[in-house]
Protein backbone atom coordinates (compact mmCIF):
# COMPACT_ATOMS: atom_id res chain seq x y z
CA MET A 1 0.00 0.00 0.00
CA SER A 2 1.27 3.45 -0.88
CA ASN A 3 2.50 5.85 1.78
CA ASN A 4 0.72 8.61 -0.15
CA HIS A 5 -2.00 9.91 2.20
CA ARG A 6 -4.36 10.59 -0.73
CA ASN A 7 -4.44 6.89 -1.56
CA SER A 8 -4.77 5.46 1.94
CA PHE A 9 -7.80 3.69 3.34
CA ARG A 10 -9.60 6.07 5.70
CA SER A 11 -12.27 3.90 7.30
CA GLY A 12 -14.01 0.60 6.90
CA GLY A 13 -15.61 -2.37 8.49
CA VAL A 14 -18.40 -4.89 8.30
CA VAL A 15 -21.94 -3.57 7.90
CA THR A 16 -24.83 -5.84 8.86
CA TYR A 17 -28.38 -5.43 7.58
CA ASP A 18 -31.01 -6.72 9.99
CA THR A 19 -34.12 -5.50 8.18
CA ALA A 20 -35.43 -5.62 4.63
CA ALA A 21 -35.24 -1.81 4.50
CA GLY A 22 -31.42 -1.92 4.32
CA THR A 23 -29.96 1.60 4.16
CA ARG A 24 -31.41 4.98 3.31
CA ILE A 25 -30.18 6.86 0.23
CA HIS A 26 -26.84 8.36 1.22
CA ASP A 27 -23.37 9.22 -0.01
CA ASP A 28 -20.04 8.57 1.69
CA ARG A 29 -18.49 12.05 1.49
CA VAL A 30 -18.30 12.38 5.28
CA THR A 31 -15.67 9.63 5.32
CA ASP A 32 -13.28 12.07 3.61
CA GLY A 33 -12.53 9.54 0.92
CA ARG A 34 -12.74 9.62 -2.85
CA HIS A 35 -13.92 6.05 -3.40
CA SER A 36 -15.95 3.42 -1.58
CA PHE A 37 -15.18 -0.28 -2.02
CA ILE A 38 -18.07 -2.56 -1.11
CA ILE A 39 -17.98 -6.37 -1.05
CA LYS A 40 -21.20 -8.14 -0.16
CA ILE A 41 -20.15 -10.98 2.12
CA GLY A 42 -23.52 -12.66 2.43
CA GLY A 43 -27.22 -12.24 1.92
CA HIS A 44 -29.27 -10.85 -0.93
CA GLY A 45 -30.64 -7.44 -1.75
CA THR A 46 -30.68 -4.67 -4.34
CA PHE A 47 -27.80 -2.17 -4.62
CA LEU A 48 -28.92 1.07 -6.28
CA THR A 49 -27.12 4.26 -7.29
CA PHE A 50 -28.86 7.58 -7.98
CA ASP A 51 -28.23 10.97 -9.55
CA ASP A 52 -28.98 12.75 -6.26
CA LEU A 53 -30.02 12.21 -2.63
CA LEU A 54 -33.69 12.50 -3.66
CA GLY A 55 -33.46 9.16 -5.50
CA THR A 56 -33.60 10.47 -9.08
CA ASN A 57 -32.77 7.96 -11.83
CA PRO A 58 -32.18 4.73 -9.85
CA ARG A 59 -29.71 2.26 -11.39
CA GLU A 60 -29.23 -1.26 -10.10
CA LEU A 61 -25.71 -2.69 -9.85
CA ASP A 62 -25.06 -6.42 -9.89
CA SER A 63 -24.30 -7.28 -6.27
CA PRO A 64 -24.32 -10.99 -5.46
CA PRO A 65 -22.11 -12.08 -2.56
CA GLY A 66 -18.44 -11.83 -3.53
CA ASN A 67 -18.81 -9.03 -6.09
CA LEU A 68 -16.72 -5.88 -5.60
CA ILE A 69 -18.53 -2.58 -6.11
CA VAL A 70 -16.33 0.51 -6.50
CA ILE A 71 -18.07 3.89 -6.52
CA LYS A 72 -17.05 7.50 -6.06
CA SER A 73 -17.84 8.55 -2.52
CA GLU A 74 -20.12 11.38 -3.62
CA LEU A 75 -22.41 9.04 -5.60
CA PRO A 76 -25.74 8.56 -3.77
CA HIS A 77 -26.54 4.89 -3.22
CA ARG A 78 -28.70 2.49 -1.24
CA PHE A 79 -28.92 -1.21 -0.37
CA THR A 80 -32.57 -2.28 -0.14
CA ASN A 81 -34.91 -5.26 -0.53
CA VAL A 82 -32.60 -7.10 1.84
CA LYS A 83 -33.20 -10.70 2.81
CA PRO A 84 -31.56 -10.83 6.26
CA PRO A 85 -29.15 -11.84 7.45
CA ALA A 86 -26.93 -9.90 5.09
CA CYS A 87 -23.59 -8.15 5.49
CA SER A 88 -21.00 -6.24 3.47
CA PHE A 89 -17.36 -5.28 3.95
CA VAL A 90 -16.82 -1.59 3.18
CA LEU A 91 -13.60 0.43 2.77
CA HIS A 92 -13.30 4.15 2.05
CA CYS A 93 -10.17 5.30 0.24
CA GLY A 94 -8.77 8.84 0.18
C-alpha cells in the first residue's frame, strides 16, 4: 500500500443489515474519501445508485455475494430489498 496519504484507506468495516429496509439513500463524502469499495459478504438485496439524494434515476448494480462494487464517494446509493441476514465489507479510500 502506498504511503501517499491521498491513496490510503480512511475507514471501513463490516456492515450488517437486519431488516429488509437496508440503508437509506446516502453518499459517503463524510468519510473524507474519494472512493468506496463494497464487497457483499452474504445475503441478498438490491444495490442502487442515484443521480442525487432524492433518488432520481435509480440504477441497479449487480451485487451478489463476492462481487466488488467501487463507486465515487459522492455518488448517492442504497442497499434495499434485503433478505436478512446480510452483510458487506466496506472500505473508504482517500
